[in-house]
Amino acid sequence: MKVFLPHRRAALAGAVALAAALIAAPLAAQAEDAGITVYNAQHESLTKAWAEAFTKETGIKVTLRNGGDTELGNQLVQEGDKSPADVFLTENSPAMVLVDNAKLFAPLSAETLAEVPEAYKPSHGRWIGIAARTTVFAYNKTKLTEDKLPKSLLDLADPAWKGRWGAAPAGADFQAIVSALLALKGEEATTAWLKGMKANVKPFKKNGIAMKGVNDGEVEGAIIYQYYWFGDQAKTGENSKNVALHYFRNQDPGAFVSISGGGVLASSKHKKEAEAFVKWIAGKGGQEILKTGTSFEYAVGKDAASNPKLVPLADLNAPKLDPAQLNSKKVSDLMTAAGLL
């Protein structure tokens, strides 16, 4: 029978502790190296630029899982508190509202919220605006003169516009515009407009295809966001050479500015790092990338300047709207009832 002396017991305990530490160290390093996971519905190239610059500055690794607004929003709702996501980024606000209504966002700090003016974030502070885009009527310059353009988005439901304009109704972009119409004008007016749209519109699969349809003369105009035109112009211009942009202004529903959102998931195991990423995007570093990059989306941070080619946000005279009011589920129901989805 072996007898362990006290000093041998101490030595054995020390060896066990050392072994445990040696095992734990790589695991801790792996956890640190894992960084944060971002469910990204924003443009892949833009978020990639954000993530790379943020990692370079902070050392925090960012893993992107890309998808669409509705797709990833619904996925988060299904995953609930078991989601591996730390951050959710969208192109449009309705998907943020979907996730927020499921009570899946953690409140953001006052310091993070201070990065963005009140007009570009929801009133409750559970997520924040990170970029924006404006609704426009892209029209064929060879077919329409300025005096023949619609004065309001609502005009496009008039029988006079039958077969003359296009849109991509199945996309999150267009559904965000309808969400704004619903919030501004109510269900009855929105239902009537969608009925007129169904009778008049030529549907396209995507906004870029709708703009090309305008350029090629398939339709005289289309409802899209402005960055499709600016992006094409910055390349070859082949899909927009015959196209000009009409800004509705006058707080018309057609002047709606859609806010891209960023939020931290309440289930995140890395909330500090996740909020640092959201704050960085909404702050000087992320907004400078919007100004100098090729996304042609608007910067929304305090005192942040957008790409100088864009019509300034202040000149758009957009309708005032709390993005927390946008309702993707109701819009989907109304558009389905109208035969547009």
Protein backbone atom coordinates (compact mmCIF):
# COMPACT_ATOMS: atom_id res chain seq x y z
CA MET A 1 0.00 0.00 0.00
CA LYS A 2 1.34 3.36 -1.08
CA VAL A 3 1.28 6.25 1.32
CA PHE A 4 1.21 9.79 -0.12
CA LEU A 5 3.04 12.31 1.96
CA PRO A 6 1.59 15.86 2.17
CA HIS A 7 4.23 17.32 -0.12
CA ARG A 8 3.54 14.63 -2.71
CA ARG A 9 -0.20 15.35 -2.50
CA ALA A 10 0.53 19.04 -3.05
CA ALA A 11 2.78 18.23 -5.99
CA LEU A 12 0.08 16.01 -7.52
CA ALA A 13 -2.58 18.72 -7.03
CA GLY A 14 -0.27 21.25 -8.65
CA ALA A 15 0.31 18.96 -11.61
CA VAL A 16 -3.44 18.48 -12.08
CA ALA A 17 -4.03 22.24 -11.88
CA LEU A 18 -1.26 22.87 -14.40
CA ALA A 19 -2.70 20.31 -16.79
CA ALA A 20 -6.16 21.87 -16.48
CA ALA A 21 -4.69 25.30 -17.16
CA LEU A 22 -2.85 24.03 -20.22
CA ILE A 23 -6.10 22.57 -21.57
CA ALA A 24 -8.15 25.66 -20.72
CA ALA A 25 -5.75 28.13 -22.31
CA PRO A 26 -6.25 26.95 -25.91
CA LEU A 27 -10.00 26.78 -25.33
CA ALA A 28 -10.04 30.35 -24.06
CA ALA A 29 -7.96 31.41 -27.03
CA GLN A 30 -10.35 29.62 -29.38
CA ALA A 31 -13.32 31.39 -27.77
CA GLU A 32 -11.53 34.73 -28.19
CA ASP A 33 -10.55 33.94 -31.77
CA ALA A 34 -14.16 33.04 -32.61
CA GLY A 35 -15.09 36.73 -32.25
CA ILE A 36 -18.67 37.61 -33.16
CA THR A 37 -21.14 36.16 -35.66
CA VAL A 38 -23.13 38.63 -37.74
CA TYR A 39 -26.32 37.68 -39.56
CA ASN A 40 -25.92 40.07 -42.46
CA ALA A 41 -28.72 41.13 -44.80
CA GLN A 42 -26.89 44.28 -45.87
CA HIS A 43 -24.86 44.33 -49.10
CA GLU A 44 -22.13 41.72 -48.74
CA SER A 45 -19.34 43.92 -50.08
CA LEU A 46 -20.26 46.80 -47.77
CA THR A 47 -20.45 44.66 -44.64
CA LYS A 48 -17.23 42.87 -45.60
CA ALA A 49 -15.49 46.27 -45.76
CA TRP A 50 -16.98 47.21 -42.40
CA ALA A 51 -15.94 43.92 -40.79
CA GLU A 52 -12.38 44.01 -42.12
CA ALA A 53 -11.82 47.60 -40.99
CA PHE A 54 -13.34 46.91 -37.57
CA THR A 55 -11.19 43.81 -37.06
CA LYS A 56 -8.08 45.70 -38.12
CA GLU A 57 -8.81 48.43 -35.59
CA THR A 58 -9.98 46.29 -32.65
CA GLY A 59 -8.62 42.80 -33.24
CA ILE A 60 -12.14 41.36 -32.87
CA LYS A 61 -12.88 38.75 -35.52
CA VAL A 62 -16.19 39.05 -37.39
CA THR A 63 -17.83 36.05 -39.08
CA LEU A 64 -20.53 36.96 -41.61
CA ARG A 65 -23.52 34.81 -42.47
CA ASN A 66 -25.20 36.47 -45.45
CA GLY A 67 -28.82 36.33 -46.52
CA GLY A 68 -31.88 38.46 -47.18
CA ASP A 69 -33.80 40.70 -44.77
CA THR A 70 -36.87 38.48 -44.51
CA GLU A 71 -34.92 35.22 -44.66
CA LEU A 72 -32.57 36.06 -41.80
CA GLY A 73 -35.23 37.86 -39.76
CA ASN A 74 -37.45 34.79 -39.83
CA GLN A 75 -34.47 32.56 -39.09
CA LEU A 76 -33.67 34.56 -35.96
CA VAL A 77 -37.27 34.31 -34.79
CA GLN A 78 -37.19 30.54 -35.31
CA GLU A 79 -33.85 30.18 -33.53
CA GLY A 80 -34.90 32.37 -30.62
CA ASP A 81 -32.45 32.39 -27.71
CA LYS A 82 -30.57 29.44 -29.26
CA SER A 83 -29.30 31.55 -32.17
CA PRO A 84 -25.53 31.65 -32.73
CA ALA A 85 -25.87 35.24 -33.96
CA ASP A 86 -24.45 38.15 -31.99
CA VAL A 87 -25.48 40.94 -34.38
CA PHE A 88 -28.21 41.40 -37.00
CA LEU A 89 -27.77 43.88 -39.88
CA THR A 90 -30.45 44.63 -42.46
CA GLU A 91 -31.00 46.67 -45.59
CA ASN A 92 -34.49 47.77 -44.48
CA SER A 93 -36.23 48.36 -41.14
CA PRO A 94 -39.17 45.91 -41.30
CA ALA A 95 -36.93 42.88 -40.64
CA MET A 96 -35.52 44.66 -37.59
CA VAL A 97 -39.08 45.25 -36.36
CA LEU A 98 -39.88 41.57 -36.91
CA VAL A 99 -36.98 40.50 -34.67
CA ASP A 100 -37.64 43.24 -32.14
CA ASN A 101 -41.31 42.24 -31.82
CA ALA A 102 -40.07 38.76 -30.88
CA LYS A 103 -38.13 40.46 -28.03
CA LEU A 104 -34.79 39.19 -29.30
CA PHE A 105 -32.74 42.40 -29.17
CA ALA A 106 -30.73 43.66 -26.20
CA PRO A 107 -31.08 47.41 -25.48
CA LEU A 108 -28.18 49.48 -26.79
CA SER A 109 -26.21 51.80 -24.56
CA ALA A 110 -26.82 55.55 -24.59
CA GLU A 111 -23.27 55.99 -25.93
CA THR A 112 -24.02 53.81 -28.96
CA LEU A 113 -27.41 55.42 -29.60
CA ALA A 114 -25.77 58.85 -29.50
CA GLU A 115 -23.91 58.05 -32.74
CA VAL A 116 -27.08 58.58 -34.83
CA PRO A 117 -29.65 61.43 -34.92
CA GLU A 118 -33.20 60.72 -33.76
CA ALA A 119 -34.56 60.66 -37.32
CA TYR A 120 -32.51 57.59 -38.22
CA LYS A 121 -33.20 55.22 -35.35
CA PRO A 122 -36.30 53.79 -33.66
CA SER A 123 -37.69 55.58 -30.64
CA HIS A 124 -37.19 52.62 -28.26
CA GLY A 125 -33.39 52.26 -28.58
CA ARG A 126 -33.18 48.50 -29.10
CA TRP A 127 -31.49 48.88 -32.48
CA ILE A 128 -29.95 51.69 -34.47
CA GLY A 129 -29.75 53.03 -38.02
CA ILE A 130 -26.51 52.26 -39.81
CA ALA A 131 -27.25 53.49 -43.37
CA ALA A 132 -30.20 54.65 -45.48
CA ARG A 133 -31.56 54.73 -49.01
CA THR A 134 -34.34 56.75 -50.64
CA THR A 135 -37.23 55.74 -52.86
CA VAL A 136 -37.11 57.15 -56.39
CA PHE A 137 -39.01 56.87 -59.66
CA ALA A 138 -36.40 55.82 -62.23
CA TYR A 139 -37.68 56.88 -65.65
CA ASN A 140 -36.66 56.57 -69.29
CA LYS A 141 -35.54 60.01 -70.48
CA THR A 142 -36.47 59.20 -74.10
CA LYS A 143 -40.08 58.37 -73.16
CA LEU A 144 -40.96 60.77 -70.34
CA THR A 145 -40.34 64.46 -69.82
CA GLU A 146 -40.30 66.01 -66.36
CA ASP A 147 -43.79 67.51 -66.77
CA LYS A 148 -45.21 64.00 -67.38
CA LEU A 149 -43.76 62.43 -64.23
CA PRO A 150 -46.03 61.28 -61.37
CA LYS A 151 -46.40 63.92 -58.67
CA SER A 152 -46.92 61.26 -55.99
CA LEU A 153 -46.32 57.55 -55.51
CA LEU A 154 -50.09 57.28 -55.16
CA ASP A 155 -50.55 58.46 -58.78
CA LEU A 156 -49.14 55.16 -60.04
CA ALA A 157 -52.38 53.38 -59.05
CA ASP A 158 -54.29 55.52 -61.56
CA PRO A 159 -55.48 53.64 -64.69
CA ALA A 160 -53.51 56.17 -66.79
CA TRP A 161 -50.34 54.35 -65.65
CA LYS A 162 -51.51 50.87 -66.66
CA GLY A 163 -48.59 48.87 -68.08
CA ARG A 164 -46.24 51.84 -67.92
CA TRP A 165 -44.28 51.23 -64.71
CA GLY A 166 -42.43 48.42 -63.02
CA ALA A 167 -41.33 47.24 -59.58
CA ALA A 168 -39.92 44.18 -57.82
CA PRO A 169 -42.83 43.45 -55.44
CA ALA A 170 -41.37 40.24 -54.02
CA GLY A 171 -38.26 42.00 -52.70
CA ALA A 172 -37.72 43.35 -49.19
CA ASP A 173 -36.88 46.76 -50.68
CA PHE A 174 -40.30 47.28 -52.22
CA GLN A 175 -42.12 45.79 -49.24
CA ALA A 176 -40.38 48.35 -47.02
CA ILE A 177 -41.83 51.09 -49.24
CA VAL A 178 -45.30 49.58 -48.85
CA SER A 179 -44.68 49.39 -45.08
CA ALA A 180 -44.09 53.14 -45.10
CA LEU A 181 -47.25 53.70 -47.14
CA LEU A 182 -49.22 51.64 -44.60
CA ALA A 183 -47.79 53.57 -41.64
CA LEU A 184 -48.42 56.94 -43.30
CA LYS A 185 -51.79 56.43 -45.01
CA GLY A 186 -53.43 53.51 -43.24
CA GLU A 187 -54.73 50.12 -44.30
CA GLU A 188 -57.66 51.28 -46.46
CA ALA A 189 -55.54 53.60 -48.61
CA THR A 190 -52.76 51.02 -48.87
CA THR A 191 -55.18 48.28 -49.93
CA ALA A 192 -56.64 50.54 -52.62
CA TRP A 193 -53.19 51.48 -53.88
CA LEU A 194 -52.07 47.85 -54.04
CA LYS A 195 -55.20 47.00 -56.03
CA GLY A 196 -54.32 49.72 -58.53
CA MET A 197 -50.71 48.56 -58.57
CA LYS A 198 -51.78 45.00 -59.39
CA ALA A 199 -53.71 46.31 -62.40
CA ASN A 200 -50.93 48.61 -63.61
CA VAL A 201 -47.50 47.25 -62.74
CA LYS A 202 -45.09 45.11 -64.72
CA PRO A 203 -43.38 42.92 -62.11
CA PHE A 204 -39.64 42.29 -62.21
CA LYS A 205 -37.62 39.84 -60.12
CA LYS A 206 -35.14 42.41 -58.79
CA ASN A 207 -34.68 46.16 -58.64
CA GLY A 208 -31.65 46.11 -60.92
CA ILE A 209 -33.65 44.20 -63.51
CA ALA A 210 -36.50 46.70 -63.16
CA MET A 211 -34.07 49.56 -63.84
CA LYS A 212 -32.73 47.73 -66.89
CA GLY A 213 -36.33 47.32 -68.04
CA VAL A 214 -36.71 51.09 -67.85
CA ASN A 215 -33.43 51.60 -69.69
CA ASP A 216 -34.47 49.20 -72.46
CA GLY A 217 -37.91 50.73 -72.85
CA GLU A 218 -39.97 47.83 -71.47
CA VAL A 219 -41.61 50.32 -69.12
CA GLU A 220 -41.44 54.08 -68.81
CA GLY A 221 -40.47 54.05 -65.15
CA ALA A 222 -39.96 51.95 -62.03
CA ILE A 223 -39.99 52.38 -58.26
CA ILE A 224 -36.53 51.48 -56.91
CA TYR A 225 -33.93 52.81 -54.46
CA GLN A 226 -31.45 55.42 -55.69
CA TYR A 227 -28.25 53.40 -55.24
CA TYR A 228 -29.03 51.04 -58.14
CA TRP A 229 -28.71 53.93 -60.57
CA PHE A 230 -25.60 55.42 -58.95
CA GLY A 231 -23.93 52.02 -58.74
CA ASP A 232 -24.51 51.30 -62.42
CA GLN A 233 -23.37 54.78 -63.42
CA ALA A 234 -20.14 54.26 -61.48
CA LYS A 235 -19.43 51.13 -63.56
CA THR A 236 -20.31 51.00 -67.25
CA GLY A 237 -23.68 52.74 -67.15
CA GLU A 238 -24.99 50.22 -69.67
CA ASN A 239 -28.17 49.54 -67.70
CA SER A 240 -28.90 53.18 -66.85
CA LYS A 241 -27.72 55.33 -69.76
CA ASN A 242 -31.32 56.20 -70.71
CA VAL A 243 -32.48 56.52 -67.11
CA ALA A 244 -32.91 59.55 -64.84
CA LEU A 245 -34.16 59.72 -61.26
CA HIS A 246 -37.25 61.54 -60.06
CA TYR A 247 -37.40 62.42 -56.35
CA PHE A 248 -40.96 62.84 -55.09
CA ARG A 249 -40.08 65.00 -52.07
CA ASN A 250 -42.97 66.93 -50.37
CA GLN A 251 -43.13 64.28 -47.59
CA ASP A 252 -44.84 62.01 -50.08
CA PRO A 253 -44.83 58.25 -49.38
CA GLY A 254 -42.68 58.03 -52.49
CA ALA A 255 -40.01 60.11 -50.73
CA PHE A 256 -39.66 57.42 -48.04
CA VAL A 257 -36.13 56.99 -46.70
CA SER A 258 -35.56 53.38 -45.66
CA ILE A 259 -33.22 52.90 -42.71
CA SER A 260 -30.84 49.96 -42.56
CA GLY A 261 -30.62 48.63 -39.02
CA GLY A 262 -28.10 47.08 -36.67
CA GLY A 263 -28.85 45.36 -33.38
CA VAL A 264 -27.30 43.11 -30.75
CA LEU A 265 -29.07 39.84 -29.96
CA ALA A 266 -30.12 39.39 -26.33
CA SER A 267 -28.86 35.79 -26.54
CA SER A 268 -25.35 36.88 -27.60
CA LYS A 269 -22.50 35.46 -25.52
CA HIS A 270 -20.28 38.35 -26.68
CA LYS A 271 -22.47 41.40 -26.07
CA LYS A 272 -19.58 43.77 -25.37
CA GLU A 273 -17.84 42.93 -28.65
CA ALA A 274 -21.15 42.82 -30.55
CA GLU A 275 -22.17 46.29 -29.42
CA ALA A 276 -18.68 47.59 -30.16
CA PHE A 277 -19.19 46.45 -33.77
CA VAL A 278 -22.61 48.09 -34.08
CA LYS A 279 -21.30 51.30 -32.52
CA TRP A 280 -18.30 51.31 -34.87
CA ILE A 281 -20.51 50.91 -37.94
CA ALA A 282 -22.81 53.73 -36.84
CA GLY A 283 -19.83 55.86 -35.87
CA LYS A 284 -17.06 57.63 -37.75
CA GLY A 285 -15.30 54.53 -39.12
CA GLY A 286 -18.32 52.83 -40.61
CA GLN A 287 -19.90 56.01 -41.93
CA GLU A 288 -16.67 57.04 -43.67
CA ILE A 289 -16.79 53.76 -45.61
CA LEU A 290 -20.29 54.71 -46.77
CA LYS A 291 -18.98 58.06 -47.96
CA THR A 292 -15.95 56.76 -49.83
CA GLY A 293 -17.15 53.30 -50.87
CA THR A 294 -19.23 52.13 -53.82
CA SER A 295 -22.47 51.17 -52.08
CA PHE A 296 -23.98 54.64 -52.70
CA GLU A 297 -26.07 54.32 -49.55
CA TYR A 298 -26.54 57.31 -47.28
CA ALA A 299 -24.48 57.83 -44.14
CA VAL A 300 -26.74 58.46 -41.13
CA GLY A 301 -24.27 59.07 -38.28
CA LYS A 302 -24.14 62.42 -36.50
CA ASP A 303 -22.23 64.93 -38.63
CA ALA A 304 -21.42 62.14 -41.13
CA ALA A 305 -21.20 63.08 -44.80
CA SER A 306 -22.60 60.86 -47.55
CA ASN A 307 -21.11 60.25 -50.97
CA PRO A 308 -21.07 63.71 -52.60
CA LYS A 309 -22.81 62.34 -55.72
CA LEU A 310 -26.00 61.71 -53.74
CA VAL A 311 -28.78 64.25 -53.27
CA PRO A 312 -28.36 65.30 -49.61
CA LEU A 313 -30.74 63.66 -47.16
CA ALA A 314 -31.82 67.09 -45.95
CA ASP A 315 -33.01 67.97 -49.48
CA LEU A 316 -35.23 64.91 -49.92
CA ASN A 317 -38.05 66.26 -47.73
CA ALA A 318 -38.88 62.71 -46.70
CA PRO A 319 -41.96 61.88 -44.62
CA LYS A 320 -41.35 61.67 -40.88
CA LEU A 321 -41.73 58.10 -39.73
CA ASP A 322 -40.60 56.07 -36.73
CA PRO A 323 -39.01 52.96 -38.26
CA ALA A 324 -40.35 50.95 -35.33
CA GLN A 325 -43.82 51.38 -36.88
CA LEU A 326 -43.04 49.39 -40.04
CA ASN A 327 -44.95 46.12 -40.20
CA SER A 328 -43.60 43.47 -42.58
CA LYS A 329 -46.18 40.82 -41.61
CA LYS A 330 -49.16 43.07 -42.33
CA VAL A 331 -47.64 44.23 -45.60
CA SER A 332 -47.03 40.65 -46.70
CA ASP A 333 -50.67 39.82 -45.93
CA LEU A 334 -51.97 42.85 -47.85
CA MET A 335 -49.74 42.23 -50.87
CA THR A 336 -50.71 38.57 -50.93
CA ALA A 337 -54.39 39.50 -50.81
CA ALA A 338 -53.80 41.90 -53.71
CA GLY A 339 -52.20 39.14 -55.77
CA LEU A 340 -48.76 40.73 -55.79
CA LEU A 341 -46.99 37.95 -53.85
